[in-house]
Amino acid sequence: MNRILFAKSGRAVFISHLDLMRTMQRAFIRAGVRIRHTEGFNPHPYMNFALPLSVGVESRCELMEFALEGEAGLSELPARLNAVLPEGIRVLDAYESDTKFKYIKWLDIEAHLFYYNEVHPAEELAAFFAGPELVMEKRTKRQTARVDIKPLIASLTVSGVSPSELLLTARLSAQEPVLSPAQLIEAVRQLSPALTPDFVRTKRLEVFDKDMNIFR
């Protein structure tokens, strides 16, 4: 299967996942690259995204796999797509891979936490996450359950950027089960409300397999 690695930043972070799919489909058409489609009354292109990105989150490690009609010509594909993609979406690489997305296990993120009225030293938030357990309420499609998210955090650090801004970097479980950056902040809100930031800006940095190897 063919695959691209791409980044999403700037105003493009506000494009929803559904609109991103449409954007990519149109980009291939405008670039003159033919994607293989399913057969039947409602054909759709063979395209699949790993870990669909939430609106408002920046990323430099998004992955999309697809099937092309005819010869791949992958070396030229990033330049051809970047020439027609909107501002903020840039293809970084194109290659072949047989490793399935289900083998993604860990995700590196960074989150800038902003506090408007109070100053919170980085040590306070670091101490919160350093506890032996972090039992929070997590919502699923069917119910709300109490879950210890501590095992879903491979590593986490907090540092000060300014008196009103902290930088949190973490390696979180990406799949089975998922711990999203939003859920990480929700744990702070539930268990230590005074440390809850007023605003958060999040970015995906890299994805890994279960052995902590970069996933491609």
C-alpha atoms as a PDB file:
ATOM      1  CA  MET A   1       0.000   0.000   0.000  1.00  0.00           C
ATOM      2  CA  ASN A   2       1.170   3.547  -0.740  1.00  0.00           C
ATOM      3  CA  ARG A   3       1.403   6.017   2.109  1.00  0.00           C
ATOM      4  CA  ILE A   4       2.087   9.724   2.686  1.00  0.00           C
ATOM      5  CA  LEU A   5       3.374  11.499   5.773  1.00  0.00           C
ATOM      6  CA  PHE A   6       1.968  15.013   6.066  1.00  0.00           C
ATOM      7  CA  ALA A   7       1.770  17.965   8.432  1.00  0.00           C
ATOM      8  CA  LYS A   8      -1.248  20.045   9.371  1.00  0.00           C
ATOM      9  CA  SER A   9      -0.702  23.507  10.878  1.00  0.00           C
ATOM     10  CA  GLY A  10      -1.863  27.127  10.874  1.00  0.00           C
ATOM     11  CA  ARG A  11      -5.434  27.717   9.803  1.00  0.00           C
ATOM     12  CA  ALA A  12      -5.613  24.169   8.446  1.00  0.00           C
ATOM     13  CA  VAL A  13      -5.979  22.818  11.998  1.00  0.00           C
ATOM     14  CA  PHE A  14      -9.617  23.965  11.865  1.00  0.00           C
ATOM     15  CA  ILE A  15     -10.398  21.657   8.923  1.00  0.00           C
ATOM     16  CA  SER A  16     -12.483  18.727  10.161  1.00  0.00           C
ATOM     17  CA  HIS A  17     -11.509  15.150   9.401  1.00  0.00           C
ATOM     18  CA  LEU A  18     -14.324  14.786   6.853  1.00  0.00           C
ATOM     19  CA  ASP A  19     -13.232  17.971   5.078  1.00  0.00           C
ATOM     20  CA  LEU A  20      -9.625  16.777   5.193  1.00  0.00           C
ATOM     21  CA  MET A  21     -10.649  13.615   3.343  1.00  0.00           C
ATOM     22  CA  ARG A  22     -12.371  15.701   0.684  1.00  0.00           C
ATOM     23  CA  THR A  23      -9.383  18.038   0.468  1.00  0.00           C
ATOM     24  CA  MET A  24      -7.015  15.138  -0.128  1.00  0.00           C
ATOM     25  CA  GLN A  25      -9.291  13.580  -2.747  1.00  0.00           C
ATOM     26  CA  ARG A  26      -9.446  16.865  -4.660  1.00  0.00           C
ATOM     27  CA  ALA A  27      -5.697  17.406  -4.298  1.00  0.00           C
ATOM     28  CA  PHE A  28      -4.971  14.092  -6.016  1.00  0.00           C
ATOM     29  CA  ILE A  29      -7.366  15.003  -8.835  1.00  0.00           C
ATOM     30  CA  ARG A  30      -5.800  18.459  -9.281  1.00  0.00           C
ATOM     31  CA  ALA A  31      -2.319  16.963  -9.210  1.00  0.00           C
ATOM     32  CA  GLY A  32      -3.299  14.571 -11.984  1.00  0.00           C
ATOM     33  CA  VAL A  33      -2.736  11.499  -9.809  1.00  0.00           C
ATOM     34  CA  ARG A  34      -5.385   8.795 -10.160  1.00  0.00           C
ATOM     35  CA  ILE A  35      -6.467   6.970  -6.989  1.00  0.00           C
ATOM     36  CA  ARG A  36      -8.031   3.539  -7.301  1.00  0.00           C
ATOM     37  CA  HIS A  37     -11.761   3.463  -6.453  1.00  0.00           C
ATOM     38  CA  THR A  38     -14.102   0.757  -5.259  1.00  0.00           C
ATOM     39  CA  GLU A  39     -16.567  -0.744  -7.713  1.00  0.00           C
ATOM     40  CA  GLY A  40     -20.354  -0.589  -7.537  1.00  0.00           C
ATOM     41  CA  PHE A  41     -23.051   2.084  -7.556  1.00  0.00           C
ATOM     42  CA  ASN A  42     -21.251   4.385  -5.106  1.00  0.00           C
ATOM     43  CA  PRO A  43     -17.508   4.119  -5.779  1.00  0.00           C
ATOM     44  CA  HIS A  44     -15.151   5.767  -3.318  1.00  0.00           C
ATOM     45  CA  PRO A  45     -11.357   6.090  -3.309  1.00  0.00           C
ATOM     46  CA  TYR A  46      -9.105   3.711  -1.421  1.00  0.00           C
ATOM     47  CA  MET A  47      -7.930   6.181   1.240  1.00  0.00           C
ATOM     48  CA  ASN A  48      -7.387   5.567   4.939  1.00  0.00           C
ATOM     49  CA  PHE A  49      -6.084   7.844   7.690  1.00  0.00           C
ATOM     50  CA  ALA A  50      -4.286   6.757  10.842  1.00  0.00           C
ATOM     51  CA  LEU A  51      -5.580   8.240  14.116  1.00  0.00           C
ATOM     52  CA  PRO A  52      -7.987  10.905  12.759  1.00  0.00           C
ATOM     53  CA  LEU A  53      -6.981  14.309  14.113  1.00  0.00           C
ATOM     54  CA  SER A  54      -9.284  16.429  16.265  1.00  0.00           C
ATOM     55  CA  VAL A  55     -10.203  19.920  15.080  1.00  0.00           C
ATOM     56  CA  GLY A  56      -7.802  22.543  16.426  1.00  0.00           C
ATOM     57  CA  VAL A  57      -4.857  20.158  16.921  1.00  0.00           C
ATOM     58  CA  GLU A  58      -1.639  20.689  14.982  1.00  0.00           C
ATOM     59  CA  SER A  59       0.418  17.741  13.734  1.00  0.00           C
ATOM     60  CA  ARG A  60       3.619  16.914  11.914  1.00  0.00           C
ATOM     61  CA  CYS A  61       3.101  13.134  11.805  1.00  0.00           C
ATOM     62  CA  GLU A  62      -0.207  12.461  10.020  1.00  0.00           C
ATOM     63  CA  LEU A  63      -0.364   9.330   7.889  1.00  0.00           C
ATOM     64  CA  MET A  64      -2.651   8.467   4.999  1.00  0.00           C
ATOM     65  CA  GLU A  65      -2.576   5.314   2.895  1.00  0.00           C
ATOM     66  CA  PHE A  66      -4.046   4.968  -0.561  1.00  0.00           C
ATOM     67  CA  ALA A  67      -3.964   2.883  -3.728  1.00  0.00           C
ATOM     68  CA  LEU A  68      -2.958   4.352  -7.081  1.00  0.00           C
ATOM     69  CA  GLU A  69      -3.926   3.328 -10.569  1.00  0.00           C
ATOM     70  CA  GLY A  70      -0.876   2.506 -12.672  1.00  0.00           C
ATOM     71  CA  GLU A  71       2.713   3.220 -11.680  1.00  0.00           C
ATOM     72  CA  ALA A  72       3.186   4.907  -8.326  1.00  0.00           C
ATOM     73  CA  GLY A  73       5.833   7.574  -9.029  1.00  0.00           C
ATOM     74  CA  LEU A  74       6.047   8.231  -5.307  1.00  0.00           C
ATOM     75  CA  SER A  75       9.233  10.302  -5.416  1.00  0.00           C
ATOM     76  CA  GLU A  76       7.426  13.090  -7.286  1.00  0.00           C
ATOM     77  CA  LEU A  77       4.186  12.863  -5.349  1.00  0.00           C
ATOM     78  CA  PRO A  78       4.972  15.270  -2.430  1.00  0.00           C
ATOM     79  CA  ALA A  79       5.837  18.134  -4.774  1.00  0.00           C
ATOM     80  CA  ARG A  80       2.809  17.508  -6.994  1.00  0.00           C
ATOM     81  CA  LEU A  81       0.412  17.436  -4.056  1.00  0.00           C
ATOM     82  CA  ASN A  82       1.970  20.412  -2.259  1.00  0.00           C
ATOM     83  CA  ALA A  83       1.494  22.511  -5.374  1.00  0.00           C
ATOM     84  CA  VAL A  84      -2.300  22.154  -5.085  1.00  0.00           C
ATOM     85  CA  LEU A  85      -2.928  21.662  -1.350  1.00  0.00           C
ATOM     86  CA  PRO A  86      -4.225  24.583   0.758  1.00  0.00           C
ATOM     87  CA  GLU A  87      -2.010  26.534   3.132  1.00  0.00           C
ATOM     88  CA  GLY A  88      -1.144  24.577   6.263  1.00  0.00           C
ATOM     89  CA  ILE A  89      -1.255  21.071   4.762  1.00  0.00           C
ATOM     90  CA  ARG A  90       2.109  19.853   3.477  1.00  0.00           C
ATOM     91  CA  VAL A  91       3.156  16.384   2.354  1.00  0.00           C
ATOM     92  CA  LEU A  92       6.541  15.500   3.840  1.00  0.00           C
ATOM     93  CA  ASP A  93       7.143  12.070   2.300  1.00  0.00           C
ATOM     94  CA  ALA A  94       5.575   9.390   0.099  1.00  0.00           C
ATOM     95  CA  TYR A  95       6.542   5.724   0.260  1.00  0.00           C
ATOM     96  CA  GLU A  96       5.338   2.132   0.283  1.00  0.00           C
ATOM     97  CA  SER A  97       4.571   0.284   3.503  1.00  0.00           C
ATOM     98  CA  ASP A  98       2.904  -2.997   4.446  1.00  0.00           C
ATOM     99  CA  THR A  99       2.757  -2.221   8.184  1.00  0.00           C
ATOM    100  CA  LYS A 100      -0.879  -1.821   9.203  1.00  0.00           C
ATOM    101  CA  PHE A 101      -2.066   1.235  11.141  1.00  0.00           C
ATOM    102  CA  LYS A 102      -3.358  -1.052  13.903  1.00  0.00           C
ATOM    103  CA  TYR A 103       0.276  -1.486  15.020  1.00  0.00           C
ATOM    104  CA  ILE A 104       0.553   2.158  16.059  1.00  0.00           C
ATOM    105  CA  LYS A 105       0.714   2.120  19.860  1.00  0.00           C
ATOM    106  CA  TRP A 106       2.257   5.362  21.184  1.00  0.00           C
ATOM    107  CA  LEU A 107       1.926   9.031  20.293  1.00  0.00           C
ATOM    108  CA  ASP A 108       4.228  11.898  21.261  1.00  0.00           C
ATOM    109  CA  ILE A 109       2.452  15.193  21.914  1.00  0.00           C
ATOM    110  CA  GLU A 110       3.230  18.631  23.243  1.00  0.00           C
ATOM    111  CA  ALA A 111       0.668  20.934  24.813  1.00  0.00           C
ATOM    112  CA  HIS A 112       1.059  24.594  25.693  1.00  0.00           C
ATOM    113  CA  LEU A 113      -1.070  25.329  28.762  1.00  0.00           C
ATOM    114  CA  PHE A 114      -2.112  28.928  29.326  1.00  0.00           C
ATOM    115  CA  TYR A 115      -3.294  30.419  32.624  1.00  0.00           C
ATOM    116  CA  TYR A 116      -4.900  33.842  32.510  1.00  0.00           C
ATOM    117  CA  ASN A 117      -5.325  34.827  36.152  1.00  0.00           C
ATOM    118  CA  GLU A 118      -3.069  32.631  38.270  1.00  0.00           C
ATOM    119  CA  VAL A 119       0.524  31.513  38.077  1.00  0.00           C
ATOM    120  CA  HIS A 120       1.117  27.761  38.501  1.00  0.00           C
ATOM    121  CA  PRO A 121       4.719  26.561  38.797  1.00  0.00           C
ATOM    122  CA  ALA A 122       5.590  23.648  36.536  1.00  0.00           C
ATOM    123  CA  GLU A 123       6.475  21.600  39.609  1.00  0.00           C
ATOM    124  CA  GLU A 124       2.839  21.576  40.774  1.00  0.00           C
ATOM    125  CA  LEU A 125       1.545  20.024  37.570  1.00  0.00           C
ATOM    126  CA  ALA A 126       4.495  17.635  37.326  1.00  0.00           C
ATOM    127  CA  ALA A 127       3.782  16.454  40.881  1.00  0.00           C
ATOM    128  CA  PHE A 128       0.131  15.856  39.969  1.00  0.00           C
ATOM    129  CA  PHE A 129       1.079  13.492  37.142  1.00  0.00           C
ATOM    130  CA  ALA A 130       3.819  11.826  39.200  1.00  0.00           C
ATOM    131  CA  GLY A 131       1.309  10.178  41.555  1.00  0.00           C
ATOM    132  CA  PRO A 132       0.983   6.362  41.681  1.00  0.00           C
ATOM    133  CA  GLU A 133      -2.383   6.442  39.917  1.00  0.00           C
ATOM    134  CA  LEU A 134      -4.679   8.794  38.036  1.00  0.00           C
ATOM    135  CA  VAL A 135      -8.217   7.468  38.269  1.00  0.00           C
ATOM    136  CA  MET A 136     -10.640   9.574  36.244  1.00  0.00           C
ATOM    137  CA  GLU A 137     -14.042   9.195  34.637  1.00  0.00           C
ATOM    138  CA  LYS A 138     -13.747   8.381  30.943  1.00  0.00           C
ATOM    139  CA  ARG A 139     -16.756   8.453  28.667  1.00  0.00           C
ATOM    140  CA  THR A 140     -17.290   5.799  26.046  1.00  0.00           C
ATOM    141  CA  LYS A 141     -20.053   5.463  23.479  1.00  0.00           C
ATOM    142  CA  ARG A 142     -22.094   3.366  25.898  1.00  0.00           C
ATOM    143  CA  GLN A 143     -21.160   4.458  29.393  1.00  0.00           C
ATOM    144  CA  THR A 144     -18.902   6.360  31.750  1.00  0.00           C
ATOM    145  CA  ALA A 145     -16.290   4.334  33.624  1.00  0.00           C
ATOM    146  CA  ARG A 146     -13.605   5.070  36.183  1.00  0.00           C
ATOM    147  CA  VAL A 147     -10.209   4.334  34.643  1.00  0.00           C
ATOM    148  CA  ASP A 148      -6.642   4.627  35.881  1.00  0.00           C
ATOM    149  CA  ILE A 149      -4.902   6.407  33.005  1.00  0.00           C
ATOM    150  CA  LYS A 150      -1.447   6.200  34.586  1.00  0.00           C
ATOM    151  CA  PRO A 151      -0.487   3.024  32.613  1.00  0.00           C
ATOM    152  CA  LEU A 152      -1.440   4.862  29.404  1.00  0.00           C
ATOM    153  CA  ILE A 153       1.299   7.470  29.936  1.00  0.00           C
ATOM    154  CA  ALA A 154       4.748   6.198  28.901  1.00  0.00           C
ATOM    155  CA  SER A 155       6.465   9.472  29.805  1.00  0.00           C
ATOM    156  CA  LEU A 156       5.512  13.023  30.748  1.00  0.00           C
ATOM    157  CA  THR A 157       7.391  16.227  31.566  1.00  0.00           C
ATOM    158  CA  VAL A 158       6.255  19.741  32.440  1.00  0.00           C
ATOM    159  CA  SER A 159       8.377  22.869  32.058  1.00  0.00           C
ATOM    160  CA  GLY A 160       7.760  26.582  32.430  1.00  0.00           C
ATOM    161  CA  VAL A 161       7.676  28.807  29.351  1.00  0.00           C
ATOM    162  CA  SER A 162       6.521  32.031  31.028  1.00  0.00           C
ATOM    163  CA  PRO A 163       4.698  32.988  34.247  1.00  0.00           C
ATOM    164  CA  SER A 164       1.392  32.188  32.541  1.00  0.00           C
ATOM    165  CA  GLU A 165       2.402  29.337  30.223  1.00  0.00           C
ATOM    166  CA  LEU A 166       3.530  25.753  30.800  1.00  0.00           C
ATOM    167  CA  LEU A 167       4.779  23.235  28.242  1.00  0.00           C
ATOM    168  CA  LEU A 168       3.673  19.632  28.712  1.00  0.00           C
ATOM    169  CA  THR A 169       5.291  16.908  26.599  1.00  0.00           C
ATOM    170  CA  ALA A 170       4.094  13.326  26.821  1.00  0.00           C
ATOM    171  CA  ARG A 171       4.044   9.925  25.171  1.00  0.00           C
ATOM    172  CA  LEU A 172       0.503   8.601  25.341  1.00  0.00           C
ATOM    173  CA  SER A 173      -1.243   5.395  24.367  1.00  0.00           C
ATOM    174  CA  ALA A 174      -2.567   5.984  20.856  1.00  0.00           C
ATOM    175  CA  GLN A 175      -4.795   2.927  20.460  1.00  0.00           C
ATOM    176  CA  GLU A 176      -6.370   0.102  22.444  1.00  0.00           C
ATOM    177  CA  PRO A 177      -6.900   1.972  24.668  1.00  0.00           C
ATOM    178  CA  VAL A 178      -6.682   5.601  23.601  1.00  0.00           C
ATOM    179  CA  LEU A 179      -5.585   8.431  25.863  1.00  0.00           C
ATOM    180  CA  SER A 180      -5.997  11.691  23.987  1.00  0.00           C
ATOM    181  CA  PRO A 181      -4.378  14.997  24.997  1.00  0.00           C
ATOM    182  CA  ALA A 182      -7.875  16.320  25.714  1.00  0.00           C
ATOM    183  CA  GLN A 183      -8.498  13.448  28.146  1.00  0.00           C
ATOM    184  CA  LEU A 184      -5.168  14.181  29.820  1.00  0.00           C
ATOM    185  CA  ILE A 185      -6.296  17.749  30.513  1.00  0.00           C
ATOM    186  CA  GLU A 186      -9.718  16.463  31.555  1.00  0.00           C
ATOM    187  CA  ALA A 187      -7.962  14.381  34.218  1.00  0.00           C
ATOM    188  CA  VAL A 188      -6.458  17.579  35.602  1.00  0.00           C
ATOM    189  CA  ARG A 189      -9.883  19.231  35.628  1.00  0.00           C
ATOM    190  CA  GLN A 190     -11.466  16.304  37.451  1.00  0.00           C
ATOM    191  CA  LEU A 191      -8.744  15.544  39.974  1.00  0.00           C
ATOM    192  CA  SER A 192      -7.044  18.902  40.562  1.00  0.00           C
ATOM    193  CA  PRO A 193      -9.331  21.710  39.327  1.00  0.00           C
ATOM    194  CA  ALA A 194      -7.020  24.485  40.545  1.00  0.00           C
ATOM    195  CA  LEU A 195      -4.359  23.359  38.044  1.00  0.00           C
ATOM    196  CA  THR A 196      -6.734  23.315  35.058  1.00  0.00           C
ATOM    197  CA  PRO A 197      -5.455  25.620  32.275  1.00  0.00           C
ATOM    198  CA  ASP A 198      -7.694  28.266  30.725  1.00  0.00           C
ATOM    199  CA  PHE A 199      -6.548  27.424  27.204  1.00  0.00           C
ATOM    200  CA  VAL A 200      -4.576  24.592  25.611  1.00  0.00           C
ATOM    201  CA  ARG A 201      -2.781  24.409  22.273  1.00  0.00           C
ATOM    202  CA  THR A 202      -1.826  20.875  21.287  1.00  0.00           C
ATOM    203  CA  LYS A 203       0.500  19.391  18.669  1.00  0.00           C
ATOM    204  CA  ARG A 204       1.222  15.815  17.594  1.00  0.00           C
ATOM    205  CA  LEU A 205       4.928  15.154  17.189  1.00  0.00           C
ATOM    206  CA  GLU A 206       5.468  11.490  16.300  1.00  0.00           C
ATOM    207  CA  VAL A 207       3.883   8.028  16.303  1.00  0.00           C
ATOM    208  CA  PHE A 208       5.503   4.771  17.460  1.00  0.00           C
ATOM    209  CA  ASP A 209       4.854   1.038  17.516  1.00  0.00           C
ATOM    210  CA  LYS A 210       4.687  -1.036  20.700  1.00  0.00           C
ATOM    211  CA  ASP A 211       8.497  -1.309  20.780  1.00  0.00           C
ATOM    212  CA  MET A 212       8.877   2.484  20.664  1.00  0.00           C
ATOM    213  CA  ASN A 213      10.136   2.452  17.068  1.00  0.00           C
ATOM    214  CA  ILE A 214       8.968   5.318  14.855  1.00  0.00           C
ATOM    215  CA  PHE A 215       5.994   4.069  12.856  1.00  0.00           C
ATOM    216  CA  ARG A 216       5.947   4.546   9.113  1.00  0.00           C
END
